[in-house]
Amino acid sequence: MRTVYVNGDYVPEYQARVSVFDRGFLFADGVYEVTSVLGGKLLDFNGHAARLERSLGELGMSSPLSRDELLAIHRELTRLNEIDEGLVYLQITRGAADRDFAYPEGSSPTVVLFTQKKQLADNPIAERGMSVLTIPDQRWGRRDIKTVQLLYASMGKMMAKAAGADDAWMVEDGQITEGTSNNAYIVKDGKIVTRQLGTEILHGITRAAVLRFAREAQMEVEERPFTVAEAQTADEAFITSASSFVMPVVRIDNVTLGDGAPGRVSRRLREIYLDESLRAAI
């Protein structure tokens, strides 16, 4: 039985309650973050907290809790639920108010956190590599804000599942934007290519760390859009996210990359990311 956090209280999950008038439920008017836990410690917490503050600001909301208060809650939930390896999910909505498209005045934000135990470091997919299906990107235009409106991402994962793939990469104007819940990369002649930051993609916290580690390791990085054709002729490919870290991609649609096994660059970046992130975990 998990303990969850709801608006200042730690309660058993079966006692957790949120109003049916909550704007997160009615309008997806809220934001979220997911922080990984390895060895009982939080990975890149400050990066996630900073992005949370940015997402709230883009929606005209202020954080109801300080960064130190959020850290304390993350740590307490990790302790209470005995999470050695897994995730802490945080969601903040504009709160409950009578249904109206206009933002309500004076509503109190709803804050919910819960944990999930999950195998992260020794994920078997990292050894075999994953396959992705390309699908049209039909999301809204502010993908840089980490909102809870994830319906199309969920649809994309189901499209991938139906096609026998592990996940989907979304395509807009012939170019890859990102995965359903991750950033996308290709490697050609040793160069790492990933889309530049903008409103088209989420500003991944793991993305920022991996690109920093890559440059520190003297790997060449180019931030620009790339096409499906480029991806399918790349030497290797991979994704990054808070829960998958660096995950090799070995197949895009019906095209196998290289020899069909995880590539040297993605494997090395996963090793570096895990080593460096564990060293800095709090």
C-alpha atoms as a PDB file:
ATOM      1  CA  MET A   1       0.000   0.000   0.000  1.00  0.00           C
ATOM      2  CA  ARG A   2       1.647   3.218  -1.170  1.00  0.00           C
ATOM      3  CA  THR A   3       1.656   6.489   0.671  1.00  0.00           C
ATOM      4  CA  VAL A   4       0.904   9.469  -1.568  1.00  0.00           C
ATOM      5  CA  TYR A   5       1.061  13.216  -1.020  1.00  0.00           C
ATOM      6  CA  VAL A   6      -2.052  15.316  -1.627  1.00  0.00           C
ATOM      7  CA  ASN A   7      -2.189  19.016  -0.756  1.00  0.00           C
ATOM      8  CA  GLY A   8      -0.022  18.866   2.352  1.00  0.00           C
ATOM      9  CA  ASP A   9      -0.997  15.426   3.635  1.00  0.00           C
ATOM     10  CA  TYR A  10       0.670  12.017   3.385  1.00  0.00           C
ATOM     11  CA  VAL A  11      -2.147   9.494   3.021  1.00  0.00           C
ATOM     12  CA  PRO A  12      -2.659   5.872   1.912  1.00  0.00           C
ATOM     13  CA  GLU A  13      -3.359   5.819  -1.814  1.00  0.00           C
ATOM     14  CA  TYR A  14      -6.928   4.558  -1.307  1.00  0.00           C
ATOM     15  CA  GLN A  15      -7.688   7.677   0.755  1.00  0.00           C
ATOM     16  CA  ALA A  16      -6.301  10.154  -1.802  1.00  0.00           C
ATOM     17  CA  ARG A  17      -8.983  12.511  -3.157  1.00  0.00           C
ATOM     18  CA  VAL A  18      -9.007  15.311  -5.741  1.00  0.00           C
ATOM     19  CA  SER A  19     -12.074  17.401  -6.600  1.00  0.00           C
ATOM     20  CA  VAL A  20     -14.101  16.572  -9.708  1.00  0.00           C
ATOM     21  CA  PHE A  21     -13.902  20.325 -10.399  1.00  0.00           C
ATOM     22  CA  ASP A  22     -10.118  20.284 -10.513  1.00  0.00           C
ATOM     23  CA  ARG A  23      -8.937  22.031 -13.688  1.00  0.00           C
ATOM     24  CA  GLY A  24      -6.356  19.349 -14.283  1.00  0.00           C
ATOM     25  CA  PHE A  25      -9.236  16.893 -14.706  1.00  0.00           C
ATOM     26  CA  LEU A  26     -11.488  19.255 -16.688  1.00  0.00           C
ATOM     27  CA  PHE A  27      -8.982  21.137 -18.863  1.00  0.00           C
ATOM     28  CA  ALA A  28      -5.550  19.452 -18.478  1.00  0.00           C
ATOM     29  CA  ASP A  29      -4.686  22.764 -16.816  1.00  0.00           C
ATOM     30  CA  GLY A  30      -1.624  21.557 -14.978  1.00  0.00           C
ATOM     31  CA  VAL A  31       2.005  20.513 -15.260  1.00  0.00           C
ATOM     32  CA  TYR A  32       4.056  17.569 -14.059  1.00  0.00           C
ATOM     33  CA  GLU A  33       7.561  16.229 -13.557  1.00  0.00           C
ATOM     34  CA  VAL A  34       8.986  12.736 -13.098  1.00  0.00           C
ATOM     35  CA  THR A  35      12.231  12.281 -11.164  1.00  0.00           C
ATOM     36  CA  SER A  36      14.115   8.990 -11.184  1.00  0.00           C
ATOM     37  CA  VAL A  37      15.402   7.299  -8.050  1.00  0.00           C
ATOM     38  CA  LEU A  38      18.496   5.076  -8.026  1.00  0.00           C
ATOM     39  CA  GLY A  39      20.001   3.724  -4.849  1.00  0.00           C
ATOM     40  CA  GLY A  40      17.357   5.624  -2.910  1.00  0.00           C
ATOM     41  CA  LYS A  41      18.619   8.963  -4.282  1.00  0.00           C
ATOM     42  CA  LEU A  42      17.033  11.461  -6.668  1.00  0.00           C
ATOM     43  CA  LEU A  43      18.621  12.013 -10.085  1.00  0.00           C
ATOM     44  CA  ASP A  44      18.890  15.590 -11.402  1.00  0.00           C
ATOM     45  CA  PHE A  45      16.259  16.908  -8.979  1.00  0.00           C
ATOM     46  CA  ASN A  46      17.290  20.543  -9.438  1.00  0.00           C
ATOM     47  CA  GLY A  47      16.912  20.268 -13.203  1.00  0.00           C
ATOM     48  CA  HIS A  48      13.382  18.942 -12.854  1.00  0.00           C
ATOM     49  CA  ALA A  49      12.528  21.602 -10.263  1.00  0.00           C
ATOM     50  CA  ALA A  50      13.782  24.352 -12.568  1.00  0.00           C
ATOM     51  CA  ARG A  51      11.726  23.059 -15.499  1.00  0.00           C
ATOM     52  CA  LEU A  52       8.686  22.792 -13.235  1.00  0.00           C
ATOM     53  CA  GLU A  53       9.048  26.462 -12.326  1.00  0.00           C
ATOM     54  CA  ARG A  54       9.348  27.372 -16.015  1.00  0.00           C
ATOM     55  CA  SER A  55       6.270  25.339 -17.000  1.00  0.00           C
ATOM     56  CA  LEU A  56       4.220  26.923 -14.213  1.00  0.00           C
ATOM     57  CA  GLY A  57       5.376  30.374 -15.287  1.00  0.00           C
ATOM     58  CA  GLU A  58       4.390  29.753 -18.904  1.00  0.00           C
ATOM     59  CA  LEU A  59       0.856  28.985 -17.674  1.00  0.00           C
ATOM     60  CA  GLY A  60       0.727  32.013 -15.400  1.00  0.00           C
ATOM     61  CA  MET A  61       0.940  29.927 -12.231  1.00  0.00           C
ATOM     62  CA  SER A  62       3.299  30.255  -9.286  1.00  0.00           C
ATOM     63  CA  SER A  63       4.671  27.294  -7.371  1.00  0.00           C
ATOM     64  CA  PRO A  64       2.786  26.697  -4.124  1.00  0.00           C
ATOM     65  CA  LEU A  65       5.924  25.116  -2.621  1.00  0.00           C
ATOM     66  CA  SER A  66       9.560  26.126  -2.505  1.00  0.00           C
ATOM     67  CA  ARG A  67      12.232  23.956  -4.106  1.00  0.00           C
ATOM     68  CA  ASP A  68      13.438  22.868  -0.645  1.00  0.00           C
ATOM     69  CA  GLU A  69       9.887  21.901   0.340  1.00  0.00           C
ATOM     70  CA  LEU A  70       9.464  19.877  -2.842  1.00  0.00           C
ATOM     71  CA  LEU A  71      12.787  18.125  -2.219  1.00  0.00           C
ATOM     72  CA  ALA A  72      11.713  17.242   1.318  1.00  0.00           C
ATOM     73  CA  ILE A  73       8.449  15.745   0.015  1.00  0.00           C
ATOM     74  CA  HIS A  74      10.276  13.725  -2.648  1.00  0.00           C
ATOM     75  CA  ARG A  75      12.657  12.353  -0.051  1.00  0.00           C
ATOM     76  CA  GLU A  76       9.902  11.551   2.441  1.00  0.00           C
ATOM     77  CA  LEU A  77       7.830   9.662  -0.146  1.00  0.00           C
ATOM     78  CA  THR A  78      10.942   7.770  -1.235  1.00  0.00           C
ATOM     79  CA  ARG A  79      11.545   6.808   2.401  1.00  0.00           C
ATOM     80  CA  LEU A  80       7.946   5.941   3.255  1.00  0.00           C
ATOM     81  CA  ASN A  81       7.512   3.754   0.178  1.00  0.00           C
ATOM     82  CA  GLU A  82      10.993   2.223   0.398  1.00  0.00           C
ATOM     83  CA  ILE A  83      11.915   3.223  -3.142  1.00  0.00           C
ATOM     84  CA  ASP A  84      15.444   2.092  -3.947  1.00  0.00           C
ATOM     85  CA  GLU A  85      14.871   2.226  -7.705  1.00  0.00           C
ATOM     86  CA  GLY A  86      11.913   3.851  -9.395  1.00  0.00           C
ATOM     87  CA  LEU A  87      10.143   7.163  -9.967  1.00  0.00           C
ATOM     88  CA  VAL A  88       8.571  10.070  -8.126  1.00  0.00           C
ATOM     89  CA  TYR A  89       5.696  11.703 -10.037  1.00  0.00           C
ATOM     90  CA  LEU A  90       4.718  15.298  -9.233  1.00  0.00           C
ATOM     91  CA  GLN A  91       1.643  17.102 -10.589  1.00  0.00           C
ATOM     92  CA  ILE A  92       0.477  20.644  -9.933  1.00  0.00           C
ATOM     93  CA  THR A  93      -2.815  21.930 -11.349  1.00  0.00           C
ATOM     94  CA  ARG A  94      -4.490  25.320 -11.130  1.00  0.00           C
ATOM     95  CA  GLY A  95      -6.875  23.781  -8.599  1.00  0.00           C
ATOM     96  CA  ALA A  96     -10.635  23.381  -8.269  1.00  0.00           C
ATOM     97  CA  ALA A  97     -13.144  25.956  -9.514  1.00  0.00           C
ATOM     98  CA  ASP A  98     -16.527  26.002 -11.217  1.00  0.00           C
ATOM     99  CA  ARG A  99     -16.089  25.017 -14.870  1.00  0.00           C
ATOM    100  CA  ASP A 100     -15.111  28.013 -17.003  1.00  0.00           C
ATOM    101  CA  PHE A 101     -12.595  28.273 -19.818  1.00  0.00           C
ATOM    102  CA  ALA A 102     -11.189  31.475 -18.316  1.00  0.00           C
ATOM    103  CA  TYR A 103      -8.654  31.018 -15.536  1.00  0.00           C
ATOM    104  CA  PRO A 104     -10.325  31.384 -12.119  1.00  0.00           C
ATOM    105  CA  GLU A 105      -9.123  33.999  -9.646  1.00  0.00           C
ATOM    106  CA  GLY A 106      -7.990  32.934  -6.203  1.00  0.00           C
ATOM    107  CA  SER A 107      -8.070  29.164  -6.722  1.00  0.00           C
ATOM    108  CA  SER A 108      -5.597  27.098  -4.668  1.00  0.00           C
ATOM    109  CA  PRO A 109      -3.307  24.819  -6.680  1.00  0.00           C
ATOM    110  CA  THR A 110      -3.671  21.061  -6.322  1.00  0.00           C
ATOM    111  CA  VAL A 111      -0.389  19.309  -5.555  1.00  0.00           C
ATOM    112  CA  VAL A 112      -0.097  15.531  -5.881  1.00  0.00           C
ATOM    113  CA  LEU A 113       2.967  13.293  -5.658  1.00  0.00           C
ATOM    114  CA  PHE A 114       3.297   9.520  -5.757  1.00  0.00           C
ATOM    115  CA  THR A 115       6.017   6.927  -6.294  1.00  0.00           C
ATOM    116  CA  GLN A 116       6.422   3.925  -8.562  1.00  0.00           C
ATOM    117  CA  LYS A 117       8.899   1.092  -8.138  1.00  0.00           C
ATOM    118  CA  LYS A 118      10.483   0.361 -11.500  1.00  0.00           C
ATOM    119  CA  GLN A 119      13.620  -1.289 -12.862  1.00  0.00           C
ATOM    120  CA  LEU A 120      15.635   1.476 -14.494  1.00  0.00           C
ATOM    121  CA  ALA A 121      19.374   0.824 -14.589  1.00  0.00           C
ATOM    122  CA  ASP A 122      19.314  -2.814 -15.729  1.00  0.00           C
ATOM    123  CA  ASN A 123      16.579  -2.404 -18.319  1.00  0.00           C
ATOM    124  CA  PRO A 124      16.819  -5.340 -20.793  1.00  0.00           C
ATOM    125  CA  ILE A 125      15.771  -3.081 -23.677  1.00  0.00           C
ATOM    126  CA  ALA A 126      19.103  -1.279 -23.326  1.00  0.00           C
ATOM    127  CA  GLU A 127      20.839  -4.535 -24.283  1.00  0.00           C
ATOM    128  CA  ARG A 128      18.727  -5.386 -27.336  1.00  0.00           C
ATOM    129  CA  GLY A 129      17.746  -1.881 -28.473  1.00  0.00           C
ATOM    130  CA  MET A 130      14.254  -0.610 -29.208  1.00  0.00           C
ATOM    131  CA  SER A 131      12.163  -0.161 -32.336  1.00  0.00           C
ATOM    132  CA  VAL A 132      10.197   2.977 -33.155  1.00  0.00           C
ATOM    133  CA  LEU A 133       7.295   3.731 -35.475  1.00  0.00           C
ATOM    134  CA  THR A 134       7.050   7.149 -37.146  1.00  0.00           C
ATOM    135  CA  ILE A 135       3.670   8.890 -36.820  1.00  0.00           C
ATOM    136  CA  PRO A 136       2.355  12.387 -37.651  1.00  0.00           C
ATOM    137  CA  ASP A 137       2.898  14.912 -34.863  1.00  0.00           C
ATOM    138  CA  GLN A 138      -0.619  16.147 -34.115  1.00  0.00           C
ATOM    139  CA  ARG A 139      -0.005  17.768 -30.739  1.00  0.00           C
ATOM    140  CA  TRP A 140      -0.500  21.415 -29.801  1.00  0.00           C
ATOM    141  CA  GLY A 141       2.125  24.072 -30.482  1.00  0.00           C
ATOM    142  CA  ARG A 142       3.592  24.530 -26.975  1.00  0.00           C
ATOM    143  CA  ARG A 143       5.312  21.212 -26.435  1.00  0.00           C
ATOM    144  CA  ASP A 144       8.025  22.968 -24.443  1.00  0.00           C
ATOM    145  CA  ILE A 145       5.576  23.261 -21.511  1.00  0.00           C
ATOM    146  CA  LYS A 146       5.367  19.950 -19.635  1.00  0.00           C
ATOM    147  CA  THR A 147       1.589  19.875 -19.304  1.00  0.00           C
ATOM    148  CA  VAL A 148      -0.599  16.921 -18.350  1.00  0.00           C
ATOM    149  CA  GLN A 149      -2.371  16.873 -21.739  1.00  0.00           C
ATOM    150  CA  LEU A 150      -0.795  13.622 -22.892  1.00  0.00           C
ATOM    151  CA  LEU A 151      -3.619  12.041 -24.859  1.00  0.00           C
ATOM    152  CA  TYR A 152      -1.875  12.083 -28.245  1.00  0.00           C
ATOM    153  CA  ALA A 153       1.319  10.754 -26.689  1.00  0.00           C
ATOM    154  CA  SER A 154      -0.734   7.906 -25.248  1.00  0.00           C
ATOM    155  CA  MET A 155      -2.354   7.316 -28.652  1.00  0.00           C
ATOM    156  CA  GLY A 156       1.110   7.259 -30.214  1.00  0.00           C
ATOM    157  CA  LYS A 157       2.308   4.576 -27.831  1.00  0.00           C
ATOM    158  CA  MET A 158      -0.762   2.499 -28.666  1.00  0.00           C
ATOM    159  CA  MET A 159      -0.102   2.942 -32.409  1.00  0.00           C
ATOM    160  CA  ALA A 160       3.422   1.697 -31.827  1.00  0.00           C
ATOM    161  CA  LYS A 161       2.189  -1.263 -29.791  1.00  0.00           C
ATOM    162  CA  ALA A 162      -0.295  -2.218 -32.496  1.00  0.00           C
ATOM    163  CA  ALA A 163       2.530  -2.166 -35.064  1.00  0.00           C
ATOM    164  CA  GLY A 164       4.802  -4.310 -32.901  1.00  0.00           C
ATOM    165  CA  ALA A 165       7.145  -1.427 -32.064  1.00  0.00           C
ATOM    166  CA  ASP A 166       8.354  -0.231 -28.665  1.00  0.00           C
ATOM    167  CA  ASP A 167       7.542   3.450 -29.141  1.00  0.00           C
ATOM    168  CA  ALA A 168       6.828   6.136 -31.729  1.00  0.00           C
ATOM    169  CA  TRP A 169       8.731   9.121 -33.107  1.00  0.00           C
ATOM    170  CA  MET A 170       6.568  12.025 -34.222  1.00  0.00           C
ATOM    171  CA  VAL A 171       7.045  13.737 -37.582  1.00  0.00           C
ATOM    172  CA  GLU A 172       6.158  17.300 -38.584  1.00  0.00           C
ATOM    173  CA  ASP A 173       6.901  18.741 -42.040  1.00  0.00           C
ATOM    174  CA  GLY A 174       8.981  15.654 -42.812  1.00  0.00           C
ATOM    175  CA  GLN A 175      11.234  16.080 -39.769  1.00  0.00           C
ATOM    176  CA  ILE A 176      11.387  14.193 -36.484  1.00  0.00           C
ATOM    177  CA  THR A 177      10.304  16.278 -33.509  1.00  0.00           C
ATOM    178  CA  GLU A 178      10.615  13.820 -30.609  1.00  0.00           C
ATOM    179  CA  GLY A 179       9.307  10.585 -29.163  1.00  0.00           C
ATOM    180  CA  THR A 180       6.024  10.198 -27.322  1.00  0.00           C
ATOM    181  CA  SER A 181       7.758  10.722 -23.977  1.00  0.00           C
ATOM    182  CA  ASN A 182      11.409  11.234 -24.883  1.00  0.00           C
ATOM    183  CA  ASN A 183      13.857  13.205 -26.991  1.00  0.00           C
ATOM    184  CA  ALA A 184      15.180  11.667 -30.236  1.00  0.00           C
ATOM    185  CA  TYR A 185      18.747  11.440 -31.596  1.00  0.00           C
ATOM    186  CA  ILE A 186      20.668   9.942 -34.500  1.00  0.00           C
ATOM    187  CA  VAL A 187      24.386   9.305 -34.899  1.00  0.00           C
ATOM    188  CA  LYS A 188      26.126   9.628 -38.266  1.00  0.00           C
ATOM    189  CA  ASP A 189      29.890   9.315 -38.753  1.00  0.00           C
ATOM    190  CA  GLY A 190      30.318   9.722 -34.990  1.00  0.00           C
ATOM    191  CA  LYS A 191      28.295  12.970 -34.836  1.00  0.00           C
ATOM    192  CA  ILE A 192      25.273  13.154 -32.523  1.00  0.00           C
ATOM    193  CA  VAL A 193      22.320  14.996 -34.088  1.00  0.00           C
ATOM    194  CA  THR A 194      19.224  16.099 -32.170  1.00  0.00           C
ATOM    195  CA  ARG A 195      16.602  18.767 -32.711  1.00  0.00           C
ATOM    196  CA  GLN A 196      17.380  22.189 -31.255  1.00  0.00           C
ATOM    197  CA  LEU A 197      15.326  23.587 -28.384  1.00  0.00           C
ATOM    198  CA  GLY A 198      12.158  25.494 -29.232  1.00  0.00           C
ATOM    199  CA  THR A 199       8.418  25.234 -28.762  1.00  0.00           C
ATOM    200  CA  GLU A 200       8.333  22.086 -30.925  1.00  0.00           C
ATOM    201  CA  ILE A 201       9.877  19.772 -28.305  1.00  0.00           C
ATOM    202  CA  LEU A 202      10.124  19.340 -24.576  1.00  0.00           C
ATOM    203  CA  HIS A 203      13.330  20.734 -23.089  1.00  0.00           C
ATOM    204  CA  GLY A 204      14.442  17.423 -21.661  1.00  0.00           C
ATOM    205  CA  ILE A 205      16.388  17.440 -18.398  1.00  0.00           C
ATOM    206  CA  THR A 206      18.083  14.180 -19.344  1.00  0.00           C
ATOM    207  CA  ARG A 207      18.705  15.659 -22.812  1.00  0.00           C
ATOM    208  CA  ALA A 208      20.609  18.586 -21.295  1.00  0.00           C
ATOM    209  CA  ALA A 209      22.719  16.309 -19.103  1.00  0.00           C
ATOM    210  CA  VAL A 210      23.508  13.835 -21.889  1.00  0.00           C
ATOM    211  CA  LEU A 211      24.556  16.553 -24.333  1.00  0.00           C
ATOM    212  CA  ARG A 212      26.785  18.089 -21.661  1.00  0.00           C
ATOM    213  CA  PHE A 213      28.398  14.728 -20.936  1.00  0.00           C
ATOM    214  CA  ALA A 214      28.822  14.060 -24.662  1.00  0.00           C
ATOM    215  CA  ARG A 215      30.645  17.327 -25.209  1.00  0.00           C
ATOM    216  CA  GLU A 216      32.816  16.743 -22.145  1.00  0.00           C
ATOM    217  CA  ALA A 217      33.739  13.359 -23.667  1.00  0.00           C
ATOM    218  CA  GLN A 218      34.823  15.178 -26.870  1.00  0.00           C
ATOM    219  CA  MET A 219      31.878  13.875 -28.881  1.00  0.00           C
ATOM    220  CA  GLU A 220      30.590  16.132 -31.654  1.00  0.00           C
ATOM    221  CA  VAL A 221      27.005  17.361 -31.209  1.00  0.00           C
ATOM    222  CA  GLU A 222      24.834  19.150 -33.772  1.00  0.00           C
ATOM    223  CA  GLU A 223      21.451  20.545 -32.736  1.00  0.00           C
ATOM    224  CA  ARG A 224      19.150  20.713 -35.779  1.00  0.00           C
ATOM    225  CA  PRO A 225      16.109  18.975 -37.243  1.00  0.00           C
ATOM    226  CA  PHE A 226      16.612  15.702 -39.084  1.00  0.00           C
ATOM    227  CA  THR A 227      14.357  13.829 -41.489  1.00  0.00           C
ATOM    228  CA  VAL A 228      12.967  10.320 -41.337  1.00  0.00           C
ATOM    229  CA  ALA A 229      15.220   9.378 -44.252  1.00  0.00           C
ATOM    230  CA  GLU A 230      18.278  10.669 -42.382  1.00  0.00           C
ATOM    231  CA  ALA A 231      17.286   8.664 -39.339  1.00  0.00           C
ATOM    232  CA  GLN A 232      16.809   5.479 -41.325  1.00  0.00           C
ATOM    233  CA  THR A 233      20.271   5.818 -42.901  1.00  0.00           C
ATOM    234  CA  ALA A 234      22.019   6.765 -39.654  1.00  0.00           C
ATOM    235  CA  ASP A 235      24.681   4.582 -38.083  1.00  0.00           C
ATOM    236  CA  GLU A 236      22.720   4.441 -34.846  1.00  0.00           C
ATOM    237  CA  ALA A 237      19.977   6.224 -32.931  1.00  0.00           C
ATOM    238  CA  PHE A 238      18.764   6.592 -29.373  1.00  0.00           C
ATOM    239  CA  ILE A 239      16.318   8.344 -27.062  1.00  0.00           C
ATOM    240  CA  THR A 240      16.700  10.022 -23.691  1.00  0.00           C
ATOM    241  CA  SER A 241      14.227  10.515 -20.864  1.00  0.00           C
ATOM    242  CA  ALA A 242      14.190  10.633 -17.072  1.00  0.00           C
ATOM    243  CA  SER A 243      13.071   7.008 -16.811  1.00  0.00           C
ATOM    244  CA  SER A 244      14.917   5.419 -19.755  1.00  0.00           C
ATOM    245  CA  PHE A 245      18.156   7.463 -19.419  1.00  0.00           C
ATOM    246  CA  VAL A 246      19.879   6.719 -22.774  1.00  0.00           C
ATOM    247  CA  MET A 247      18.105   3.971 -24.714  1.00  0.00           C
ATOM    248  CA  PRO A 248      19.425   2.697 -28.074  1.00  0.00           C
ATOM    249  CA  VAL A 249      17.108   2.534 -31.104  1.00  0.00           C
ATOM    250  CA  VAL A 250      17.902  -0.223 -33.589  1.00  0.00           C
ATOM    251  CA  ARG A 251      14.870  -0.094 -35.894  1.00  0.00           C
ATOM    252  CA  ILE A 252      12.823   2.772 -37.388  1.00  0.00           C
ATOM    253  CA  ASP A 253       9.627   1.652 -39.117  1.00  0.00           C
ATOM    254  CA  ASN A 254      10.792  -1.305 -41.234  1.00  0.00           C
ATOM    255  CA  VAL A 255      14.435  -0.230 -41.478  1.00  0.00           C
ATOM    256  CA  THR A 256      17.151  -1.781 -39.315  1.00  0.00           C
ATOM    257  CA  LEU A 257      20.013   0.503 -38.316  1.00  0.00           C
ATOM    258  CA  GLY A 258      23.565  -0.778 -38.697  1.00  0.00           C
ATOM    259  CA  ASP A 259      23.863  -4.400 -37.642  1.00  0.00           C
ATOM    260  CA  GLY A 260      20.657  -4.250 -35.611  1.00  0.00           C
ATOM    261  CA  ALA A 261      22.431  -4.006 -32.265  1.00  0.00           C
ATOM    262  CA  PRO A 262      22.849  -1.015 -29.919  1.00  0.00           C
ATOM    263  CA  GLY A 263      25.579   1.276 -31.222  1.00  0.00           C
ATOM    264  CA  ARG A 264      28.864   2.252 -29.612  1.00  0.00           C
ATOM    265  CA  VAL A 265      27.931   5.908 -29.004  1.00  0.00           C
ATOM    266  CA  SER A 266      24.591   5.221 -27.343  1.00  0.00           C
ATOM    267  CA  ARG A 267      26.036   2.463 -25.172  1.00  0.00           C
ATOM    268  CA  ARG A 268      28.887   4.700 -24.033  1.00  0.00           C
ATOM    269  CA  LEU A 269      26.555   7.633 -23.327  1.00  0.00           C
ATOM    270  CA  ARG A 270      24.328   5.403 -21.184  1.00  0.00           C
ATOM    271  CA  GLU A 271      27.355   4.345 -19.145  1.00  0.00           C
ATOM    272  CA  ILE A 272      28.529   7.937 -18.700  1.00  0.00           C
ATOM    273  CA  TYR A 273      25.059   9.190 -17.801  1.00  0.00           C
ATOM    274  CA  LEU A 274      24.519   6.540 -15.125  1.00  0.00           C
ATOM    275  CA  ASP A 275      27.985   7.070 -13.620  1.00  0.00           C
ATOM    276  CA  GLU A 276      27.752  10.863 -13.523  1.00  0.00           C
ATOM    277  CA  SER A 277      24.117  11.028 -12.418  1.00  0.00           C
ATOM    278  CA  LEU A 278      24.623   8.600  -9.548  1.00  0.00           C
ATOM    279  CA  ARG A 279      27.635  10.591  -8.432  1.00  0.00           C
ATOM    280  CA  ALA A 280      25.556  13.789  -8.284  1.00  0.00           C
ATOM    281  CA  ALA A 281      22.299  12.232  -6.964  1.00  0.00           C
ATOM    282  CA  ILE A 282      20.826  13.693  -3.774  1.00  0.00           C
END
